[in-house]
All heavy atoms as atom14 arrays in JSON, in Angstrom:
{
  "sequence": "LPWMASLAPRVAQAAGTGKPPVRSAFLYFPNG",
  "atom14_mask": [
    [1, 1, 1, 1, 1, 1, 1, 1, 0, 0, 0, 0, 0, 0],
    [1, 1, 1, 1, 1, 1, 1, 0, 0, 0, 0, 0, 0, 0],
    [1, 1, 1, 1, 1, 1, 1, 1, 1, 1, 1, 1, 1, 1],
    [1, 1, 1, 1, 1, 1, 1, 1, 0, 0, 0, 0, 0, 0],
    [1, 1, 1, 1, 1, 0, 0, 0, 0, 0, 0, 0, 0, 0],
    [1, 1, 1, 1, 1, 1, 0, 0, 0, 0, 0, 0, 0, 0],
    [1, 1, 1, 1, 1, 1, 1, 1, 0, 0, 0, 0, 0, 0],
    [1, 1, 1, 1, 1, 0, 0, 0, 0, 0, 0, 0, 0, 0],
    [1, 1, 1, 1, 1, 1, 1, 0, 0, 0, 0, 0, 0, 0],
    [1, 1, 1, 1, 1, 1, 1, 1, 1, 1, 1, 0, 0, 0],
    [1, 1, 1, 1, 1, 1, 1, 0, 0, 0, 0, 0, 0, 0],
    [1, 1, 1, 1, 1, 0, 0, 0, 0, 0, 0, 0, 0, 0],
    [1, 1, 1, 1, 1, 1, 1, 1, 1, 0, 0, 0, 0, 0],
    [1, 1, 1, 1, 1, 0, 0, 0, 0, 0, 0, 0, 0, 0],
    [1, 1, 1, 1, 1, 0, 0, 0, 0, 0, 0, 0, 0, 0],
    [1, 1, 1, 1, 0, 0, 0, 0, 0, 0, 0, 0, 0, 0],
    [1, 1, 1, 1, 1, 1, 1, 0, 0, 0, 0, 0, 0, 0],
    [1, 1, 1, 1, 0, 0, 0, 0, 0, 0, 0, 0, 0, 0],
    [1, 1, 1, 1, 1, 1, 1, 1, 1, 0, 0, 0, 0, 0],
    [1, 1, 1, 1, 1, 1, 1, 0, 0, 0, 0, 0, 0, 0],
    [1, 1, 1, 1, 1, 1, 1, 0, 0, 0, 0, 0, 0, 0],
    [1, 1, 1, 1, 1, 1, 1, 0, 0, 0, 0, 0, 0, 0],
    [1, 1, 1, 1, 1, 1, 1, 1, 1, 1, 1, 0, 0, 0],
    [1, 1, 1, 1, 1, 1, 0, 0, 0, 0, 0, 0, 0, 0],
    [1, 1, 1, 1, 1, 0, 0, 0, 0, 0, 0, 0, 0, 0],
    [1, 1, 1, 1, 1, 1, 1, 1, 1, 1, 1, 0, 0, 0],
    [1, 1, 1, 1, 1, 1, 1, 1, 0, 0, 0, 0, 0, 0],
    [1, 1, 1, 1, 1, 1, 1, 1, 1, 1, 1, 1, 0, 0],
    [1, 1, 1, 1, 1, 1, 1, 1, 1, 1, 1, 0, 0, 0],
    [1, 1, 1, 1, 1, 1, 1, 0, 0, 0, 0, 0, 0, 0],
    [1, 1, 1, 1, 1, 1, 1, 1, 0, 0, 0, 0, 0, 0],
    [1, 1, 1, 1, 0, 0, 0, 0, 0, 0, 0, 0, 0, 0]
  ],
  "atom14_positions": [
    [[11.11, 2.35, -15.96], [11.8, 3.48, -15.37], [10.88, 4.24, -14.43], [9.67, 4.27, -14.61], [12.31, 4.42, -16.47], [13.35, 3.8, -17.41], [13.69, 4.78, -18.52], [14.6, 3.39, -16.66], [0.0, 0.0, 0.0], [0.0, 0.0, 0.0], [0.0, 0.0, 0.0], [0.0, 0.0, 0.0], [0.0, 0.0, 0.0], [0.0, 0.0, 0.0]],
    [[11.45, 4.92, -13.43], [10.61, 5.6, -12.44], [9.65, 6.62, -13.03], [8.53, 6.74, -12.57], [11.64, 6.28, -11.53], [12.87, 5.46, -11.66], [12.87, 4.96, -13.08], [0.0, 0.0, 0.0], [0.0, 0.0, 0.0], [0.0, 0.0, 0.0], [0.0, 0.0, 0.0], [0.0, 0.0, 0.0], [0.0, 0.0, 0.0], [0.0, 0.0, 0.0]],
    [[10.07, 7.36, -14.07], [9.17, 8.38, -14.61], [7.91, 7.8, -15.2], [6.91, 8.48, -15.38], [9.89, 9.24, -15.65], [10.33, 8.51, -16.89], [11.55, 7.97, -17.12], [9.56, 8.25, -18.08], [11.6, 7.38, -18.36], [10.39, 7.56, -18.98], [8.25, 8.54, -18.49], [9.97, 7.14, -20.24], [7.82, 8.13, -19.74], [8.68, 7.43, -20.6]],
    [[7.95, 6.51, -15.51], [6.82, 5.87, -16.16], [6.14, 4.83, -15.29], [4.95, 4.61, -15.41], [7.31, 5.19, -17.44], [6.23, 4.66, -18.34], [5.3, 5.96, -19.13], [4.67, 5.07, -20.53], [0.0, 0.0, 0.0], [0.0, 0.0, 0.0], [0.0, 0.0, 0.0], [0.0, 0.0, 0.0], [0.0, 0.0, 0.0], [0.0, 0.0, 0.0]],
    [[6.9, 4.25, -14.41], [6.42, 3.02, -13.78], [5.57, 3.22, -12.55], [4.93, 2.29, -12.11], [7.61, 2.13, -13.43], [0.0, 0.0, 0.0], [0.0, 0.0, 0.0], [0.0, 0.0, 0.0], [0.0, 0.0, 0.0], [0.0, 0.0, 0.0], [0.0, 0.0, 0.0], [0.0, 0.0, 0.0], [0.0, 0.0, 0.0], [0.0, 0.0, 0.0]],
    [[5.6, 4.38, -11.95], [4.87, 4.45, -10.68], [4.53, 5.85, -10.26], [5.03, 6.82, -10.83], [5.69, 3.76, -9.59], [7.0, 4.25, -9.6], [0.0, 0.0, 0.0], [0.0, 0.0, 0.0], [0.0, 0.0, 0.0], [0.0, 0.0, 0.0], [0.0, 0.0, 0.0], [0.0, 0.0, 0.0], [0.0, 0.0, 0.0], [0.0, 0.0, 0.0]],
    [[3.71, 5.91, -9.25], [3.26, 7.17, -8.69], [3.5, 7.17, -7.19], [3.43, 6.13, -6.55], [1.75, 7.35, -8.94], [1.32, 7.28, -10.42], [-0.19, 7.26, -10.47], [1.86, 8.46, -11.18], [0.0, 0.0, 0.0], [0.0, 0.0, 0.0], [0.0, 0.0, 0.0], [0.0, 0.0, 0.0], [0.0, 0.0, 0.0], [0.0, 0.0, 0.0]],
    [[3.78, 8.33, -6.64], [3.96, 8.4, -5.19], [2.63, 8.2, -4.49], [1.58, 8.48, -5.04], [4.55, 9.77, -4.81], [0.0, 0.0, 0.0], [0.0, 0.0, 0.0], [0.0, 0.0, 0.0], [0.0, 0.0, 0.0], [0.0, 0.0, 0.0], [0.0, 0.0, 0.0], [0.0, 0.0, 0.0], [0.0, 0.0, 0.0], [0.0, 0.0, 0.0]],
    [[2.64, 7.66, -3.28], [1.39, 7.46, -2.55], [0.8, 8.79, -2.1], [1.49, 9.8, -2.06], [1.82, 6.63, -1.34], [3.24, 7.04, -1.13], [3.8, 7.26, -2.51], [0.0, 0.0, 0.0], [0.0, 0.0, 0.0], [0.0, 0.0, 0.0], [0.0, 0.0, 0.0], [0.0, 0.0, 0.0], [0.0, 0.0, 0.0], [0.0, 0.0, 0.0]],
    [[-0.46, 8.73, -1.77], [-1.11, 9.91, -1.23], [-0.73, 10.06, 0.22], [-1.15, 9.3, 1.07], [-2.63, 9.76, -1.37], [-3.1, 9.74, -2.8], [-4.55, 9.32, -2.88], [-4.68, 7.93, -2.49], [-5.6, 7.5, -1.66], [-6.43, 8.34, -1.09], [-5.67, 6.23, -1.36], [0.0, 0.0, 0.0], [0.0, 0.0, 0.0], [0.0, 0.0, 0.0]],
    [[0.07, 11.06, 0.53], [0.54, 11.27, 1.89], [0.03, 12.61, 2.39], [0.28, 13.64, 1.79], [2.08, 11.24, 1.94], [2.56, 11.47, 3.35], [2.6, 9.92, 1.41], [0.0, 0.0, 0.0], [0.0, 0.0, 0.0], [0.0, 0.0, 0.0], [0.0, 0.0, 0.0], [0.0, 0.0, 0.0], [0.0, 0.0, 0.0], [0.0, 0.0, 0.0]],
    [[-0.68, 12.58, 3.48], [-1.23, 13.82, 4.04], [-0.15, 14.59, 4.77], [0.79, 14.02, 5.31], [-2.37, 13.48, 5.0], [0.0, 0.0, 0.0], [0.0, 0.0, 0.0], [0.0, 0.0, 0.0], [0.0, 0.0, 0.0], [0.0, 0.0, 0.0], [0.0, 0.0, 0.0], [0.0, 0.0, 0.0], [0.0, 0.0, 0.0], [0.0, 0.0, 0.0]],
    [[-0.28, 15.89, 4.8], [0.66, 16.73, 5.52], [0.38, 16.7, 7.01], [1.26, 16.89, 7.83], [0.58, 18.18, 5.0], [0.97, 18.31, 3.54], [2.38, 17.87, 3.28], [3.29, 18.23, 4.02], [2.58, 17.09, 2.23], [0.0, 0.0, 0.0], [0.0, 0.0, 0.0], [0.0, 0.0, 0.0], [0.0, 0.0, 0.0], [0.0, 0.0, 0.0]],
    [[-0.86, 16.47, 7.36], [-1.24, 16.38, 8.77], [-1.6, 14.94, 9.08], [-1.42, 14.05, 8.28], [-2.42, 17.31, 9.04], [0.0, 0.0, 0.0], [0.0, 0.0, 0.0], [0.0, 0.0, 0.0], [0.0, 0.0, 0.0], [0.0, 0.0, 0.0], [0.0, 0.0, 0.0], [0.0, 0.0, 0.0], [0.0, 0.0, 0.0], [0.0, 0.0, 0.0]],
    [[-2.1, 14.72, 10.28], [-2.46, 13.36, 10.68], [-3.55, 12.81, 9.78], [-4.38, 13.54, 9.25], [-2.93, 13.37, 12.13], [0.0, 0.0, 0.0], [0.0, 0.0, 0.0], [0.0, 0.0, 0.0], [0.0, 0.0, 0.0], [0.0, 0.0, 0.0], [0.0, 0.0, 0.0], [0.0, 0.0, 0.0], [0.0, 0.0, 0.0], [0.0, 0.0, 0.0]],
    [[-3.54, 11.48, 9.59], [-4.54, 10.85, 8.75], [-5.94, 11.08, 9.28], [-6.16, 11.22, 10.48], [0.0, 0.0, 0.0], [0.0, 0.0, 0.0], [0.0, 0.0, 0.0], [0.0, 0.0, 0.0], [0.0, 0.0, 0.0], [0.0, 0.0, 0.0], [0.0, 0.0, 0.0], [0.0, 0.0, 0.0], [0.0, 0.0, 0.0], [0.0, 0.0, 0.0]],
    [[-6.9, 11.13, 8.37], [-8.28, 11.36, 8.74], [-9.12, 10.16, 8.34], [-8.74, 9.37, 7.49], [-8.83, 12.62, 8.05], [-8.71, 12.45, 6.64], [-8.06, 13.85, 8.49], [0.0, 0.0, 0.0], [0.0, 0.0, 0.0], [0.0, 0.0, 0.0], [0.0, 0.0, 0.0], [0.0, 0.0, 0.0], [0.0, 0.0, 0.0], [0.0, 0.0, 0.0]],
    [[-10.3, 10.06, 8.93], [-11.19, 8.97, 8.58], [-10.8, 7.67, 9.27], [-9.85, 7.6, 10.04], [0.0, 0.0, 0.0], [0.0, 0.0, 0.0], [0.0, 0.0, 0.0], [0.0, 0.0, 0.0], [0.0, 0.0, 0.0], [0.0, 0.0, 0.0], [0.0, 0.0, 0.0], [0.0, 0.0, 0.0], [0.0, 0.0, 0.0], [0.0, 0.0, 0.0]],
    [[-11.54, 6.6, 8.97], [-11.29, 5.29, 9.56], [-10.28, 4.54, 8.71], [-10.42, 4.47, 7.49], [-12.6, 4.51, 9.64], [-12.46, 3.15, 10.29], [-13.8, 2.44, 10.33], [-13.67, 1.06, 10.97], [-14.96, 0.34, 10.99], [0.0, 0.0, 0.0], [0.0, 0.0, 0.0], [0.0, 0.0, 0.0], [0.0, 0.0, 0.0], [0.0, 0.0, 0.0]],
    [[-9.24, 3.96, 9.32], [-8.26, 3.21, 8.54], [-8.92, 2.09, 7.75], [-9.82, 1.41, 8.26], [-7.3, 2.67, 9.6], [-7.46, 3.58, 10.76], [-8.89, 4.01, 10.76], [0.0, 0.0, 0.0], [0.0, 0.0, 0.0], [0.0, 0.0, 0.0], [0.0, 0.0, 0.0], [0.0, 0.0, 0.0], [0.0, 0.0, 0.0], [0.0, 0.0, 0.0]],
    [[-8.48, 1.84, 6.54], [-9.05, 0.76, 5.74], [-8.49, -0.6, 6.16], [-7.46, -0.68, 6.82], [-8.59, 1.11, 4.32], [-7.27, 1.8, 4.54], [-7.44, 2.59, 5.81], [0.0, 0.0, 0.0], [0.0, 0.0, 0.0], [0.0, 0.0, 0.0], [0.0, 0.0, 0.0], [0.0, 0.0, 0.0], [0.0, 0.0, 0.0], [0.0, 0.0, 0.0]],
    [[-9.18, -1.64, 5.77], [-8.69, -3.0, 6.0], [-7.85, -3.43, 4.8], [-8.22, -3.18, 3.65], [-9.86, -3.98, 6.21], [-9.35, -5.41, 6.37], [-10.68, -3.57, 7.41], [0.0, 0.0, 0.0], [0.0, 0.0, 0.0], [0.0, 0.0, 0.0], [0.0, 0.0, 0.0], [0.0, 0.0, 0.0], [0.0, 0.0, 0.0], [0.0, 0.0, 0.0]],
    [[-6.71, -4.08, 5.07], [-5.86, -4.59, 4.01], [-5.76, -6.1, 4.12], [-5.88, -6.66, 5.21], [-4.43, -4.02, 4.1], [-4.3, -2.53, 3.84], [-4.62, -1.73, 5.04], [-3.9, -0.44, 5.07], [-3.94, 0.39, 6.09], [-4.62, 0.08, 7.18], [-3.27, 1.52, 6.05], [0.0, 0.0, 0.0], [0.0, 0.0, 0.0], [0.0, 0.0, 0.0]],
    [[-5.51, -6.76, 3.0], [-5.37, -8.21, 2.98], [-4.14, -8.62, 2.19], [-3.89, -8.1, 1.1], [-6.6, -8.88, 2.35], [-7.74, -8.76, 3.17], [0.0, 0.0, 0.0], [0.0, 0.0, 0.0], [0.0, 0.0, 0.0], [0.0, 0.0, 0.0], [0.0, 0.0, 0.0], [0.0, 0.0, 0.0], [0.0, 0.0, 0.0], [0.0, 0.0, 0.0]],
    [[-3.36, -9.55, 2.76], [-2.22, -10.13, 2.06], [-2.31, -11.64, 2.15], [-2.76, -12.2, 3.16], [-0.91, -9.64, 2.65], [0.0, 0.0, 0.0], [0.0, 0.0, 0.0], [0.0, 0.0, 0.0], [0.0, 0.0, 0.0], [0.0, 0.0, 0.0], [0.0, 0.0, 0.0], [0.0, 0.0, 0.0], [0.0, 0.0, 0.0], [0.0, 0.0, 0.0]],
    [[-1.88, -12.3, 1.08], [-1.91, -13.75, 1.0], [-0.49, -14.23, 0.7], [0.04, -14.0, -0.39], [-2.87, -14.21, -0.1], [-4.29, -13.75, 0.12], [-4.71, -12.5, -0.31], [-5.2, -14.56, 0.78], [-6.02, -12.06, -0.1], [-6.51, -14.14, 1.0], [-6.91, -12.89, 0.56], [0.0, 0.0, 0.0], [0.0, 0.0, 0.0], [0.0, 0.0, 0.0]],
    [[0.12, -14.86, 1.7], [1.51, -15.3, 1.6], [1.54, -16.81, 1.45], [0.99, -17.54, 2.28], [2.29, -14.89, 2.85], [2.11, -13.44, 3.34], [2.97, -13.21, 4.58], [2.45, -12.44, 2.25], [0.0, 0.0, 0.0], [0.0, 0.0, 0.0], [0.0, 0.0, 0.0], [0.0, 0.0, 0.0], [0.0, 0.0, 0.0], [0.0, 0.0, 0.0]],
    [[2.2, -17.27, 0.41], [2.21, -18.7, 0.07], [3.62, -19.27, 0.19], [4.59, -18.65, -0.26], [1.7, -18.88, -1.36], [2.02, -20.24, -1.95], [1.19, -21.33, -1.74], [3.17, -20.43, -2.73], [1.49, -22.58, -2.27], [3.47, -21.67, -3.27], [2.63, -22.73, -3.04], [2.93, -23.97, -3.56], [0.0, 0.0, 0.0], [0.0, 0.0, 0.0]],
    [[3.74, -20.44, 0.81], [5.0, -21.18, 0.77], [4.72, -22.58, 0.23], [3.65, -23.15, 0.48], [5.66, -21.24, 2.15], [4.87, -21.97, 3.2], [5.08, -23.32, 3.45], [3.93, -21.29, 3.97], [4.35, -23.99, 4.43], [3.2, -21.96, 4.96], [3.41, -23.31, 5.18], [0.0, 0.0, 0.0], [0.0, 0.0, 0.0], [0.0, 0.0, 0.0]],
    [[5.63, -23.17, -0.53], [5.36, -24.46, -1.17], [5.65, -25.65, -0.28], [6.23, -25.53, 0.81], [6.33, -24.44, -2.37], [7.51, -23.67, -1.86], [6.93, -22.61, -0.94], [0.0, 0.0, 0.0], [0.0, 0.0, 0.0], [0.0, 0.0, 0.0], [0.0, 0.0, 0.0], [0.0, 0.0, 0.0], [0.0, 0.0, 0.0], [0.0, 0.0, 0.0]],
    [[5.21, -26.81, -0.74], [5.66, -28.12, -0.24], [5.12, -28.54, 1.12], [5.61, -29.49, 1.72], [7.2, -28.19, -0.21], [7.81, -27.94, -1.58], [7.24, -28.33, -2.6], [8.95, -27.28, -1.61], [0.0, 0.0, 0.0], [0.0, 0.0, 0.0], [0.0, 0.0, 0.0], [0.0, 0.0, 0.0], [0.0, 0.0, 0.0], [0.0, 0.0, 0.0]],
    [[4.09, -27.86, 1.63], [3.42, -28.33, 2.83], [4.24, -28.28, 4.11], [5.27, -27.59, 4.18], [0.0, 0.0, 0.0], [0.0, 0.0, 0.0], [0.0, 0.0, 0.0], [0.0, 0.0, 0.0], [0.0, 0.0, 0.0], [0.0, 0.0, 0.0], [0.0, 0.0, 0.0], [0.0, 0.0, 0.0], [0.0, 0.0, 0.0], [0.0, 0.0, 0.0]]
  ]
}
């Protein structure tokens, strides 16, 4: 349930500060 399962992201009220982080995603499809 929402009250237990998750938290809201950290969202700034003003523009983001600092250097954006690098993100990585790995997407897999089967069978070549």
